[in-house]
Protein backbone atom coordinates (compact mmCIF):
# COMPACT_ATOMS: atom_id res chain seq x y z
CA UNK A 1 -29.95 -28.58 -67.69
CA UNK A 2 -25.87 -28.11 -66.41
CA UNK A 3 -23.74 -31.32 -67.01
CA UNK A 4 -21.09 -32.80 -65.26
CA UNK A 5 -18.73 -34.19 -67.79
CA UNK A 6 -17.25 -37.79 -68.15
CA UNK A 7 -18.20 -41.25 -68.88
CA UNK A 8 -20.68 -41.23 -68.68
CA UNK A 9 -22.33 -37.34 -68.11
CA UNK A 10 -24.44 -37.12 -65.74
CA UNK A 11 -26.90 -34.31 -65.65
CA UNK A 12 -27.46 -31.96 -62.53
CA UNK A 13 -30.85 -30.39 -61.51
CA UNK A 14 -30.43 -26.84 -60.09
CA UNK A 15 -32.71 -26.21 -57.19
CA UNK A 16 -32.21 -22.29 -55.56
CA UNK A 17 -33.16 -21.80 -51.79
CA UNK A 18 -33.27 -18.75 -50.02
CA UNK A 19 -32.72 -20.29 -47.06
CA UNK A 20 -29.99 -22.72 -47.88
CA UNK A 21 -26.49 -20.95 -46.95
CA UNK A 22 -24.23 -23.28 -48.71
CA UNK A 23 -24.06 -26.31 -51.81
CA UNK A 24 -25.24 -29.43 -51.25
CA UNK A 25 -25.46 -32.67 -53.46
CA UNK A 26 -28.37 -35.60 -53.08
CA UNK A 27 -28.68 -38.39 -55.51
CA UNK A 28 -32.25 -39.95 -55.47
CA UNK A 29 -32.56 -43.75 -55.20
CA UNK A 30 -36.00 -43.57 -56.41
CA UNK A 31 -35.13 -42.48 -60.03
CA UNK A 32 -31.25 -41.66 -60.21
CA UNK A 33 -31.61 -37.84 -60.43
CA UNK A 34 -29.32 -35.81 -59.25
CA UNK A 35 -30.24 -32.54 -57.08
CA UNK A 36 -27.44 -29.51 -56.31
CA UNK A 37 -29.32 -27.15 -54.11
CA UNK A 38 -27.52 -23.78 -53.68
CA UNK A 39 -28.11 -20.05 -52.37
CA UNK A 40 -30.80 -17.75 -53.97
CA UNK A 41 -27.94 -15.56 -55.09
CA UNK A 42 -24.92 -18.35 -56.31
CA UNK A 43 -23.34 -18.52 -59.50
CA UNK A 44 -24.36 -21.46 -61.39
CA UNK A 45 -20.49 -22.02 -62.44
CA UNK A 46 -19.51 -21.97 -58.78
CA UNK A 47 -22.38 -24.53 -58.14
CA UNK A 48 -20.70 -27.03 -61.04
CA UNK A 49 -17.23 -26.07 -59.38
CA UNK A 50 -18.48 -27.80 -56.50
CA UNK A 51 -20.37 -30.58 -57.91
CA UNK A 52 -17.02 -31.36 -59.59
CA UNK A 53 -15.27 -31.58 -56.50
CA UNK A 54 -17.82 -34.38 -55.45
CA UNK A 55 -17.48 -36.49 -58.91
CA UNK A 56 -15.86 -39.49 -57.21
CA UNK A 57 -18.66 -39.61 -54.68
CA UNK A 58 -21.63 -38.79 -57.38
CA UNK A 59 -20.27 -41.46 -59.45
CA UNK A 60 -20.34 -44.19 -56.03
CA UNK A 61 -23.54 -43.12 -55.34
CA UNK A 62 -25.08 -43.78 -58.83
CA UNK A 63 -23.12 -47.09 -59.33
CA UNK A 64 -24.93 -48.03 -55.83
CA UNK A 65 -28.32 -47.06 -57.04
CA UNK A 66 -30.75 -50.61 -57.33
CA UNK A 67 -31.35 -51.53 -60.71
CA UNK A 68 -34.17 -50.94 -62.85
CA UNK A 69 -36.38 -54.58 -63.18
CA UNK A 70 -38.87 -54.86 -65.64
CA UNK A 71 -41.50 -57.02 -64.43
CA UNK A 72 -42.12 -60.06 -66.38
CA UNK A 73 -42.20 -64.09 -65.85
CA UNK A 74 -39.62 -65.18 -64.01
CA UNK A 75 -38.82 -62.06 -62.04
CA UNK A 76 -38.71 -61.77 -58.28
CA UNK A 77 -41.46 -59.78 -56.92
CA UNK A 78 -41.33 -58.86 -53.71
CA UNK A 79 -45.40 -58.99 -52.18
CA UNK A 80 -45.36 -58.36 -48.51
CA UNK A 81 -42.09 -58.70 -47.91
CA UNK A 82 -41.59 -61.92 -49.29
CA UNK A 83 -39.42 -62.47 -52.48
CA UNK A 84 -41.81 -64.27 -55.06
CA UNK A 85 -41.28 -65.30 -58.78
CA UNK A 86 -43.89 -64.15 -61.10
CA UNK A 87 -44.87 -67.32 -63.08
CA UNK A 88 -47.89 -67.89 -65.48
CA UNK A 89 -51.04 -69.02 -63.79
CA UNK A 90 -54.38 -70.37 -64.80
CA UNK A 91 -58.11 -68.83 -64.70
CA UNK A 92 -58.51 -64.99 -64.09
CA UNK A 93 -56.62 -63.68 -61.26
CA UNK A 94 -53.36 -62.88 -59.94
CA UNK A 95 -53.04 -64.96 -56.73
CA UNK A 96 -49.99 -65.71 -54.53
CA UNK A 97 -49.07 -69.59 -54.18
CA UNK A 98 -46.01 -70.93 -52.11
CA UNK A 99 -42.93 -68.95 -53.05
CA UNK A 100 -44.87 -67.99 -56.67
CA UNK A 101 -47.06 -64.79 -57.82
CA UNK A 102 -49.04 -66.99 -60.46
CA UNK A 103 -50.43 -64.21 -63.23
CA UNK A 104 -52.61 -65.56 -65.99
CA UNK A 105 -52.65 -63.76 -69.55
CA UNK A 106 -49.96 -63.08 -72.20
CA UNK A 107 -46.71 -62.16 -71.21
CA UNK A 108 -47.32 -58.56 -72.50
CA UNK A 109 -49.99 -57.92 -69.98
CA UNK A 110 -47.52 -59.53 -66.76
CA UNK A 111 -46.90 -56.27 -65.53
CA UNK A 112 -49.96 -53.98 -65.87
CA UNK A 113 -51.79 -57.53 -64.07
CA UNK A 114 -49.29 -57.36 -61.39
CA UNK A 115 -49.22 -53.36 -60.86
CA UNK A 116 -53.63 -53.71 -60.31
CA UNK A 117 -52.51 -56.51 -57.61
CA UNK A 118 -50.58 -54.73 -55.88
CA UNK A 119 -53.05 -51.44 -56.22
CA UNK A 120 -56.02 -53.42 -55.03
CA UNK A 121 -53.46 -55.50 -52.72
CA UNK A 122 -52.26 -52.02 -51.19
CA UNK A 123 -55.44 -50.05 -50.72
CA UNK A 124 -57.09 -52.85 -48.61
CA UNK A 125 -54.35 -53.05 -46.53
CA UNK A 126 -53.92 -49.34 -46.03
CA UNK A 127 -57.40 -48.74 -45.65
CA UNK A 128 -57.69 -51.10 -42.53
CA UNK A 129 -54.79 -50.11 -41.20
CA UNK A 130 -55.59 -46.27 -41.31
CA UNK A 131 -59.34 -47.20 -39.73
CA UNK A 132 -57.43 -49.32 -36.76
CA UNK A 133 -55.26 -46.14 -36.20
CA UNK A 134 -57.49 -43.24 -36.53
CA UNK A 135 -60.26 -44.87 -34.06
CA UNK A 136 -57.41 -45.87 -31.48
CA UNK A 137 -56.73 -41.38 -31.64
CA UNK A 138 -60.38 -40.89 -31.83
CA UNK A 139 -60.17 -39.10 -35.45
CA UNK A 140 -61.04 -39.21 -39.01
CA UNK A 141 -59.67 -38.69 -42.01
CA UNK A 142 -61.50 -37.41 -45.34
CA UNK A 143 -60.52 -39.63 -47.73
CA UNK A 144 -57.71 -42.28 -48.74
CA UNK A 145 -56.22 -41.93 -52.12
CA UNK A 146 -53.28 -44.18 -54.09
CA UNK A 147 -50.65 -43.01 -55.93
CA UNK A 148 -46.68 -43.94 -57.56
CA UNK A 149 -44.84 -40.94 -56.17
CA UNK A 150 -41.12 -41.11 -56.29
CA UNK A 151 -40.22 -38.90 -53.22
CA UNK A 152 -42.58 -40.05 -50.37
CA UNK A 153 -44.33 -42.76 -48.66
CA UNK A 154 -47.17 -41.18 -48.08
CA UNK A 155 -48.85 -38.08 -47.18
CA UNK A 156 -51.52 -36.32 -44.90
CA UNK A 157 -53.13 -33.12 -46.19
CA UNK A 158 -54.46 -30.10 -44.11
CA UNK A 159 -58.25 -30.94 -45.23
CA UNK A 160 -57.32 -34.92 -43.75
CA UNK A 161 -57.16 -36.71 -46.79
CA UNK A 162 -54.50 -39.28 -46.82
CA UNK A 163 -52.33 -40.52 -49.59
CA UNK A 164 -50.32 -43.37 -50.00
CA UNK A 165 -47.56 -45.25 -52.06
CA UNK A 166 -49.24 -48.72 -53.65
CA UNK A 167 -45.83 -49.86 -53.68
CA UNK A 168 -46.09 -50.20 -49.90
CA UNK A 169 -48.11 -53.92 -50.91
CA UNK A 170 -44.32 -54.97 -51.60
CA UNK A 171 -42.78 -54.18 -48.40
CA UNK A 172 -43.26 -56.31 -45.03
CA UNK A 173 -46.47 -55.93 -43.64
CA UNK A 174 -44.94 -54.04 -40.32
CA UNK A 175 -43.79 -51.25 -42.42
CA UNK A 176 -46.81 -50.23 -44.21
CA UNK A 177 -48.47 -50.14 -41.06
CA UNK A 178 -45.58 -47.96 -39.64
CA UNK A 179 -46.06 -45.70 -42.81
CA UNK A 180 -50.25 -45.91 -42.42
CA UNK A 181 -49.38 -45.19 -38.46
CA UNK A 182 -47.63 -41.79 -39.57
CA UNK A 183 -49.85 -40.46 -41.54
CA UNK A 184 -52.61 -40.98 -39.54
CA UNK A 185 -50.79 -39.32 -36.42
CA UNK A 186 -50.80 -36.34 -38.71
CA UNK A 187 -54.32 -35.98 -38.10
CA UNK A 188 -53.30 -34.82 -34.22
CA UNK A 189 -49.92 -33.25 -35.14
CA UNK A 190 -49.59 -31.50 -38.50
CA UNK A 191 -45.73 -31.48 -37.95
CA UNK A 192 -42.92 -33.58 -37.03
CA UNK A 193 -42.31 -32.25 -33.42
CA UNK A 194 -41.54 -34.16 -30.48
CA UNK A 195 -45.55 -34.24 -29.91
CA UNK A 196 -46.23 -35.96 -33.35
CA UNK A 197 -43.57 -38.98 -32.66
CA UNK A 198 -44.98 -39.40 -29.26
CA UNK A 199 -48.07 -40.16 -31.26
CA UNK A 200 -46.56 -42.39 -33.66
CA UNK A 201 -44.98 -44.29 -30.72
CA UNK A 202 -48.24 -44.88 -29.07
CA UNK A 203 -49.57 -46.29 -32.58
CA UNK A 204 -46.35 -48.04 -33.31
CA UNK A 205 -43.91 -48.92 -30.21
CA UNK A 206 -41.22 -49.92 -33.17
CA UNK A 207 -41.22 -47.46 -35.46
CA UNK A 208 -38.20 -46.16 -35.60
CA UNK A 209 -37.14 -50.27 -36.65
CA UNK A 210 -39.79 -49.79 -39.69
CA UNK A 211 -38.55 -46.11 -40.70
CA UNK A 212 -34.73 -47.81 -40.81
CA UNK A 213 -36.17 -50.70 -43.25
CA UNK A 214 -37.80 -47.67 -45.33
CA UNK A 215 -34.90 -45.77 -45.66
CA UNK A 216 -32.52 -48.80 -46.18
CA UNK A 217 -34.83 -50.70 -48.43
CA UNK A 218 -37.24 -48.71 -50.36
CA UNK A 219 -35.22 -47.41 -52.81
CA UNK A 220 -35.71 -51.46 -53.77
CA UNK A 221 -39.34 -50.99 -54.43
CA UNK A 222 -39.19 -48.25 -56.30
CA UNK A 223 -37.03 -49.71 -59.16
CA UNK A 224 -39.08 -51.62 -60.47
CA UNK A 225 -40.99 -51.43 -63.32
CA UNK A 226 -44.19 -52.24 -64.52
CA UNK A 227 -44.49 -51.42 -68.23
CA UNK A 228 -47.34 -48.62 -67.87
């Protein structure tokens, strides 16, 4: 992997695309990876020379990324859009109490227990939202799965399977509902044409507001680490 020298050095992933006509750089808000896209026949030396001209921008973009937070006692964690402090709790179940997320058990298990809690919450909320939106469109999906992708919040496959990021349980409920509406709309239009966005708008008239929230704040949800 080529490296841009400096303090610290910046590793750069090269991505060659036949349809690309110029160099372009992207810094992932999910994991900080720097990707340089280049035309199929471009030389690596030319690509790295381009990256060098963008070094100041690259370092500012990297410095502005959300800092990773390991989930444990004392950490503030968003749950359905509300910031809760993770604290020790009684019993056997993770629960929300006022502005706290009460987690029973040993400190070493906190991250894992919270992740399980968020996955369960996400499945319940996303299943209900997907069922509701699919019914409104007279559609059915084949299955629903949860994962932890770094580059997307949801997807809909040609065989009508829906996939969502369980981290949506940390987002405001309206944002989660928009993502469900977006993916269910693909059951009607498997594209991002004006017709597709018209379907989304019929389900969520405020979809632009929710999409903008994800674009601005979604990277922060990806910054939490659960020690898995």
